[in-house]
N, C-alpha and C. Protein backbone atom coordinates (compact mmCIF):
# COMPACT_ATOMS: atom_id res chain seq x y z
N MET A 1 -50.31 -10.86 143.11
CA MET A 1 -49.13 -11.60 143.52
C MET A 1 -48.76 -12.66 142.49
N VAL A 2 -49.72 -13.44 142.06
CA VAL A 2 -49.46 -14.49 141.08
C VAL A 2 -49.00 -13.87 139.77
N GLU A 3 -49.62 -12.75 139.37
CA GLU A 3 -49.24 -12.07 138.13
C GLU A 3 -47.78 -11.63 138.18
N THR A 4 -47.35 -11.07 139.30
CA THR A 4 -45.96 -10.63 139.45
C THR A 4 -45.01 -11.81 139.39
N GLU A 5 -45.34 -12.89 140.08
CA GLU A 5 -44.49 -14.09 140.03
C GLU A 5 -44.41 -14.64 138.62
N GLU A 6 -45.52 -14.62 137.91
CA GLU A 6 -45.56 -15.12 136.54
C GLU A 6 -44.68 -14.27 135.64
N ARG A 7 -44.75 -12.95 135.81
CA ARG A 7 -43.94 -12.03 135.01
C ARG A 7 -42.46 -12.26 135.27
N VAL A 8 -42.08 -12.44 136.51
CA VAL A 8 -40.68 -12.68 136.86
C VAL A 8 -40.21 -14.01 136.26
N LYS A 9 -41.05 -15.04 136.29
CA LYS A 9 -40.68 -16.33 135.71
C LYS A 9 -40.43 -16.20 134.21
N LYS A 10 -41.22 -15.38 133.52
CA LYS A 10 -41.05 -15.18 132.08
C LYS A 10 -39.77 -14.43 131.77
N PHE A 11 -39.25 -13.70 132.74
CA PHE A 11 -38.03 -12.92 132.56
C PHE A 11 -36.85 -13.74 133.06
N ALA A 12 -36.31 -14.54 132.16
CA ALA A 12 -35.17 -15.39 132.47
C ALA A 12 -34.18 -15.27 131.32
N LYS A 13 -32.93 -15.63 131.58
CA LYS A 13 -31.89 -15.51 130.57
C LYS A 13 -32.27 -16.23 129.28
N ARG A 14 -32.89 -17.41 129.41
CA ARG A 14 -33.28 -18.19 128.22
C ARG A 14 -34.41 -17.53 127.44
N SER A 15 -35.24 -16.75 128.12
CA SER A 15 -36.41 -16.17 127.46
C SER A 15 -36.17 -14.80 126.83
N LEU A 16 -34.96 -14.27 126.98
CA LEU A 16 -34.66 -12.97 126.38
C LEU A 16 -34.68 -13.07 124.86
N PRO A 17 -35.10 -12.01 124.17
CA PRO A 17 -35.06 -12.02 122.71
C PRO A 17 -33.64 -12.26 122.19
N LYS A 18 -33.55 -12.88 121.03
CA LYS A 18 -32.26 -13.25 120.45
C LYS A 18 -31.32 -12.05 120.34
N GLU A 19 -31.82 -10.91 119.90
CA GLU A 19 -30.96 -9.74 119.72
C GLU A 19 -30.42 -9.23 121.06
N VAL A 20 -31.17 -9.39 122.13
CA VAL A 20 -30.69 -9.00 123.46
C VAL A 20 -29.58 -9.97 123.89
N ARG A 21 -29.81 -11.26 123.68
CA ARG A 21 -28.78 -12.26 124.02
C ARG A 21 -27.51 -12.03 123.19
N THR A 22 -27.66 -11.67 121.92
CA THR A 22 -26.50 -11.39 121.06
C THR A 22 -25.72 -10.19 121.61
N SER A 23 -26.42 -9.16 122.04
CA SER A 23 -25.77 -7.97 122.61
C SER A 23 -24.99 -8.32 123.87
N ILE A 24 -25.59 -9.14 124.71
CA ILE A 24 -24.95 -9.55 125.96
C ILE A 24 -23.68 -10.34 125.66
N LYS A 25 -23.79 -11.30 124.76
CA LYS A 25 -22.64 -12.13 124.40
C LYS A 25 -21.51 -11.28 123.82
N ALA A 26 -21.85 -10.33 122.94
CA ALA A 26 -20.85 -9.45 122.34
C ALA A 26 -20.18 -8.57 123.39
N SER A 27 -20.97 -8.12 124.36
CA SER A 27 -20.43 -7.27 125.44
C SER A 27 -19.46 -8.05 126.32
N LEU A 28 -19.87 -9.23 126.71
CA LEU A 28 -19.03 -10.06 127.59
C LEU A 28 -17.76 -10.51 126.88
N ALA A 29 -17.81 -10.66 125.56
CA ALA A 29 -16.62 -11.03 124.79
C ALA A 29 -15.56 -9.94 124.86
N LYS A 30 -15.97 -8.71 125.10
CA LYS A 30 -15.02 -7.59 125.24
C LYS A 30 -14.85 -7.20 126.71
N LYS A 31 -15.19 -8.13 127.60
CA LYS A 31 -14.95 -7.99 129.04
C LYS A 31 -15.75 -6.87 129.71
N ALA A 32 -16.98 -6.65 129.24
CA ALA A 32 -17.86 -5.70 129.93
C ALA A 32 -18.07 -6.20 131.36
N GLU A 33 -18.17 -5.28 132.30
CA GLU A 33 -18.30 -5.63 133.71
C GLU A 33 -19.68 -5.25 134.25
N ASP A 34 -20.08 -5.97 135.29
CA ASP A 34 -21.33 -5.69 136.02
C ASP A 34 -22.51 -5.51 135.08
N LEU A 35 -22.63 -6.42 134.12
CA LEU A 35 -23.70 -6.34 133.14
C LEU A 35 -25.02 -6.79 133.76
N CYS A 36 -26.07 -6.03 133.50
CA CYS A 36 -27.40 -6.43 133.94
C CYS A 36 -28.41 -6.06 132.87
N VAL A 37 -29.54 -6.74 132.90
CA VAL A 37 -30.65 -6.46 132.00
C VAL A 37 -31.85 -6.12 132.87
N LEU A 38 -32.50 -5.01 132.55
CA LEU A 38 -33.71 -4.61 133.25
C LEU A 38 -34.90 -4.83 132.32
N ASP A 39 -35.94 -5.45 132.83
CA ASP A 39 -37.16 -5.70 132.07
C ASP A 39 -38.12 -4.54 132.31
N LEU A 40 -38.29 -3.70 131.30
CA LEU A 40 -39.12 -2.50 131.44
C LEU A 40 -40.49 -2.65 130.78
N ARG A 41 -40.83 -3.85 130.33
CA ARG A 41 -42.08 -4.05 129.58
C ARG A 41 -43.32 -3.61 130.33
N GLU A 42 -43.33 -3.76 131.63
CA GLU A 42 -44.50 -3.37 132.42
C GLU A 42 -44.40 -1.94 132.94
N LEU A 43 -43.27 -1.28 132.70
CA LEU A 43 -43.03 0.03 133.30
C LEU A 43 -43.01 1.20 132.33
N THR A 44 -42.74 0.93 131.06
CA THR A 44 -42.61 2.02 130.10
C THR A 44 -43.05 1.57 128.71
N SER A 45 -43.34 2.53 127.87
CA SER A 45 -43.76 2.20 126.50
C SER A 45 -42.66 2.45 125.47
N PHE A 46 -41.54 3.08 125.88
CA PHE A 46 -40.54 3.44 124.88
C PHE A 46 -39.53 2.33 124.58
N THR A 47 -39.41 1.33 125.43
CA THR A 47 -38.52 0.20 125.17
C THR A 47 -38.91 -0.96 126.08
N ASP A 48 -38.42 -2.15 125.75
CA ASP A 48 -38.72 -3.33 126.56
C ASP A 48 -37.61 -3.65 127.56
N PHE A 49 -36.35 -3.44 127.15
CA PHE A 49 -35.21 -3.82 127.99
C PHE A 49 -34.13 -2.76 127.97
N PHE A 50 -33.47 -2.60 129.11
CA PHE A 50 -32.20 -1.88 129.20
C PHE A 50 -31.12 -2.92 129.44
N ILE A 51 -30.04 -2.81 128.70
CA ILE A 51 -28.83 -3.60 128.97
C ILE A 51 -27.81 -2.59 129.47
N ILE A 52 -27.35 -2.78 130.70
CA ILE A 52 -26.46 -1.81 131.36
C ILE A 52 -25.17 -2.51 131.73
N MET A 53 -24.04 -1.84 131.45
CA MET A 53 -22.74 -2.41 131.75
C MET A 53 -21.73 -1.29 131.92
N GLN A 54 -20.52 -1.66 132.26
CA GLN A 54 -19.44 -0.68 132.33
C GLN A 54 -18.15 -1.29 131.82
N GLY A 55 -17.27 -0.38 131.37
CA GLY A 55 -15.92 -0.76 130.97
C GLY A 55 -14.93 -0.01 131.85
N ASN A 56 -13.67 -0.33 131.70
CA ASN A 56 -12.63 0.28 132.53
C ASN A 56 -11.96 1.49 131.90
N SER A 57 -12.28 1.77 130.64
CA SER A 57 -11.68 2.91 129.96
C SER A 57 -12.56 3.28 128.76
N ALA A 58 -12.33 4.48 128.25
CA ALA A 58 -13.06 4.91 127.04
C ALA A 58 -12.75 3.95 125.89
N ARG A 59 -11.51 3.52 125.82
CA ARG A 59 -11.11 2.60 124.74
C ARG A 59 -11.88 1.27 124.83
N GLN A 60 -11.99 0.73 126.03
CA GLN A 60 -12.74 -0.51 126.21
C GLN A 60 -14.22 -0.29 125.90
N ASN A 61 -14.79 0.83 126.34
CA ASN A 61 -16.19 1.12 126.05
C ASN A 61 -16.44 1.15 124.54
N LEU A 62 -15.51 1.75 123.80
CA LEU A 62 -15.65 1.80 122.34
C LEU A 62 -15.54 0.40 121.73
N ALA A 63 -14.66 -0.43 122.28
CA ALA A 63 -14.52 -1.80 121.78
C ALA A 63 -15.80 -2.60 122.04
N ILE A 64 -16.40 -2.42 123.19
CA ILE A 64 -17.67 -3.09 123.51
C ILE A 64 -18.74 -2.63 122.52
N TYR A 65 -18.82 -1.32 122.33
CA TYR A 65 -19.79 -0.75 121.38
C TYR A 65 -19.61 -1.35 119.99
N GLU A 66 -18.38 -1.35 119.49
CA GLU A 66 -18.11 -1.87 118.15
C GLU A 66 -18.52 -3.33 118.02
N ASN A 67 -18.23 -4.12 119.04
CA ASN A 67 -18.55 -5.55 118.99
C ASN A 67 -20.06 -5.79 118.98
N ILE A 68 -20.77 -5.03 119.79
CA ILE A 68 -22.24 -5.15 119.80
C ILE A 68 -22.78 -4.77 118.42
N LYS A 69 -22.35 -3.61 117.93
CA LYS A 69 -22.85 -3.11 116.65
C LYS A 69 -22.56 -4.09 115.51
N GLU A 70 -21.35 -4.63 115.47
CA GLU A 70 -20.97 -5.57 114.41
C GLU A 70 -21.75 -6.88 114.51
N ASN A 71 -21.90 -7.41 115.72
CA ASN A 71 -22.63 -8.68 115.89
C ASN A 71 -24.10 -8.54 115.49
N LEU A 72 -24.71 -7.43 115.86
CA LEU A 72 -26.12 -7.23 115.50
C LEU A 72 -26.26 -6.91 114.01
N ALA A 73 -25.31 -6.16 113.45
CA ALA A 73 -25.36 -5.84 112.01
C ALA A 73 -25.26 -7.12 111.18
N SER A 74 -24.50 -8.10 111.67
CA SER A 74 -24.39 -9.37 110.94
C SER A 74 -25.73 -10.11 110.91
N GLU A 75 -26.63 -9.75 111.84
CA GLU A 75 -27.98 -10.31 111.85
C GLU A 75 -28.99 -9.33 111.24
N LYS A 76 -28.45 -8.32 110.55
CA LYS A 76 -29.26 -7.30 109.87
C LYS A 76 -30.08 -6.44 110.85
N ILE A 77 -29.51 -6.22 112.03
CA ILE A 77 -30.16 -5.37 113.04
C ILE A 77 -29.29 -4.14 113.22
N LYS A 78 -29.87 -2.97 112.94
CA LYS A 78 -29.13 -1.71 113.04
C LYS A 78 -29.79 -0.81 114.07
N PRO A 79 -28.99 -0.01 114.78
CA PRO A 79 -29.56 0.87 115.80
C PRO A 79 -30.32 2.04 115.17
N PHE A 80 -31.35 2.51 115.88
CA PHE A 80 -32.06 3.71 115.47
C PHE A 80 -31.23 4.94 115.80
N GLY A 81 -30.44 4.85 116.85
CA GLY A 81 -29.62 5.98 117.26
C GLY A 81 -28.46 5.54 118.12
N ILE A 82 -27.38 6.34 118.06
CA ILE A 82 -26.18 6.10 118.87
C ILE A 82 -25.77 7.44 119.45
N GLU A 83 -25.46 7.45 120.73
CA GLU A 83 -25.03 8.67 121.42
C GLU A 83 -23.77 8.40 122.22
N GLY A 84 -22.96 9.42 122.41
CA GLY A 84 -21.87 9.36 123.37
C GLY A 84 -20.54 8.81 122.90
N LEU A 85 -20.33 8.70 121.60
CA LEU A 85 -19.07 8.12 121.12
C LEU A 85 -17.87 9.04 121.33
N GLU A 86 -18.10 10.34 121.38
CA GLU A 86 -17.00 11.29 121.50
C GLU A 86 -16.19 11.07 122.78
N ALA A 87 -16.85 11.13 123.92
CA ALA A 87 -16.16 10.97 125.20
C ALA A 87 -16.13 9.52 125.66
N ALA A 88 -17.08 8.72 125.20
CA ALA A 88 -17.21 7.30 125.56
C ALA A 88 -17.36 7.08 127.06
N GLU A 89 -17.94 8.06 127.75
CA GLU A 89 -18.25 7.91 129.18
C GLU A 89 -19.58 7.19 129.35
N TRP A 90 -20.50 7.44 128.42
CA TRP A 90 -21.81 6.80 128.41
C TRP A 90 -22.21 6.66 126.95
N ILE A 91 -22.05 5.47 126.43
CA ILE A 91 -22.44 5.20 125.05
C ILE A 91 -23.81 4.54 125.09
N LEU A 92 -24.73 5.09 124.31
CA LEU A 92 -26.09 4.57 124.26
C LEU A 92 -26.39 4.11 122.84
N LEU A 93 -26.86 2.87 122.72
CA LEU A 93 -27.31 2.34 121.43
C LEU A 93 -28.80 2.03 121.56
N ASP A 94 -29.62 2.69 120.76
CA ASP A 94 -31.06 2.51 120.80
C ASP A 94 -31.50 1.61 119.66
N TYR A 95 -31.95 0.42 120.01
CA TYR A 95 -32.43 -0.54 119.02
C TYR A 95 -33.96 -0.64 119.04
N GLY A 96 -34.62 0.31 119.66
CA GLY A 96 -36.08 0.30 119.71
C GLY A 96 -36.61 -0.54 120.85
N SER A 97 -36.63 -1.86 120.67
CA SER A 97 -37.17 -2.73 121.71
C SER A 97 -36.19 -2.93 122.87
N PHE A 98 -34.94 -2.53 122.67
CA PHE A 98 -33.97 -2.56 123.77
C PHE A 98 -32.95 -1.44 123.57
N VAL A 99 -32.40 -0.99 124.70
CA VAL A 99 -31.40 0.08 124.69
C VAL A 99 -30.18 -0.41 125.45
N VAL A 100 -29.01 -0.25 124.83
CA VAL A 100 -27.75 -0.66 125.45
C VAL A 100 -27.08 0.59 126.03
N HIS A 101 -26.66 0.48 127.30
CA HIS A 101 -25.94 1.56 127.98
C HIS A 101 -24.56 1.04 128.36
N ILE A 102 -23.52 1.66 127.82
CA ILE A 102 -22.14 1.30 128.16
C ILE A 102 -21.54 2.49 128.90
N PHE A 103 -21.28 2.32 130.18
CA PHE A 103 -20.81 3.40 131.03
C PHE A 103 -19.35 3.25 131.44
N SER A 104 -18.73 4.38 131.80
CA SER A 104 -17.54 4.34 132.64
C SER A 104 -18.06 4.09 134.05
N LYS A 105 -17.21 3.65 134.93
CA LYS A 105 -17.65 3.39 136.30
C LYS A 105 -18.20 4.66 136.95
N ARG A 106 -17.50 5.77 136.74
CA ARG A 106 -17.91 7.04 137.33
C ARG A 106 -19.28 7.50 136.82
N ALA A 107 -19.49 7.40 135.51
CA ALA A 107 -20.77 7.82 134.92
C ALA A 107 -21.90 6.90 135.38
N ARG A 108 -21.62 5.61 135.49
CA ARG A 108 -22.65 4.68 135.93
C ARG A 108 -23.10 4.99 137.35
N GLU A 109 -22.16 5.28 138.22
CA GLU A 109 -22.51 5.64 139.60
C GLU A 109 -23.30 6.94 139.64
N PHE A 110 -22.90 7.91 138.81
CA PHE A 110 -23.56 9.21 138.80
C PHE A 110 -25.00 9.12 138.31
N TYR A 111 -25.22 8.44 137.18
CA TYR A 111 -26.56 8.37 136.60
C TYR A 111 -27.46 7.32 137.25
N ALA A 112 -26.88 6.29 137.82
CA ALA A 112 -27.59 5.29 138.63
C ALA A 112 -28.91 4.82 138.01
N LEU A 113 -28.84 4.37 136.77
CA LEU A 113 -30.06 3.90 136.09
C LEU A 113 -30.73 2.75 136.83
N GLU A 114 -29.93 1.88 137.42
CA GLU A 114 -30.52 0.75 138.15
C GLU A 114 -31.37 1.23 139.33
N LYS A 115 -30.96 2.32 139.97
CA LYS A 115 -31.75 2.86 141.08
C LYS A 115 -32.99 3.58 140.54
N LEU A 116 -32.82 4.29 139.43
CA LEU A 116 -33.94 5.00 138.83
C LEU A 116 -35.03 4.03 138.40
N TRP A 117 -34.64 2.86 137.91
CA TRP A 117 -35.57 1.83 137.45
C TRP A 117 -35.57 0.65 138.41
N ALA A 118 -35.52 0.92 139.69
CA ALA A 118 -35.42 -0.13 140.72
C ALA A 118 -36.62 -1.08 140.74
N ASP A 119 -37.75 -0.64 140.22
CA ASP A 119 -38.95 -1.49 140.22
C ASP A 119 -38.89 -2.56 139.11
N ALA A 120 -37.95 -2.42 138.21
CA ALA A 120 -37.86 -3.36 137.07
C ALA A 120 -37.22 -4.67 137.50
N PRO A 121 -37.79 -5.80 137.03
CA PRO A 121 -37.11 -7.08 137.24
C PRO A 121 -35.72 -7.02 136.61
N ARG A 122 -34.75 -7.70 137.25
CA ARG A 122 -33.35 -7.57 136.85
C ARG A 122 -32.68 -8.93 136.73
N LEU A 123 -31.84 -9.06 135.70
CA LEU A 123 -30.97 -10.22 135.54
C LEU A 123 -29.53 -9.73 135.56
N ASP A 124 -28.69 -10.38 136.34
CA ASP A 124 -27.27 -10.02 136.41
C ASP A 124 -26.43 -11.07 135.69
N TYR A 125 -25.35 -10.59 135.07
CA TYR A 125 -24.41 -11.47 134.37
C TYR A 125 -23.03 -11.31 134.95
């Protein structure tokens, strides 16, 4: 019980890594909606955080993607992989220690990552 409470306390907006905070700020600057961060450090070995959000159109999703990529590139942080730019229904940017998911509303409801990772501590923006 104490360990779980301690882990949740460590997972706060102020304690997020700088590159995660930069991604969030860049996303919100382009009006990303329903943004949340899931802390996967205790649940998986392939990444530490998911940043999940949605836009209102493919065009907005691409603008969010571009802003994240540009802001992180200015800090010399480049993604290992990018998926989904063609349709822009679900754009995924893999930065290793964190993964950014930019969804359309329909795709977000369909894939329901928050439900799939429901055990993960969550921060909403």
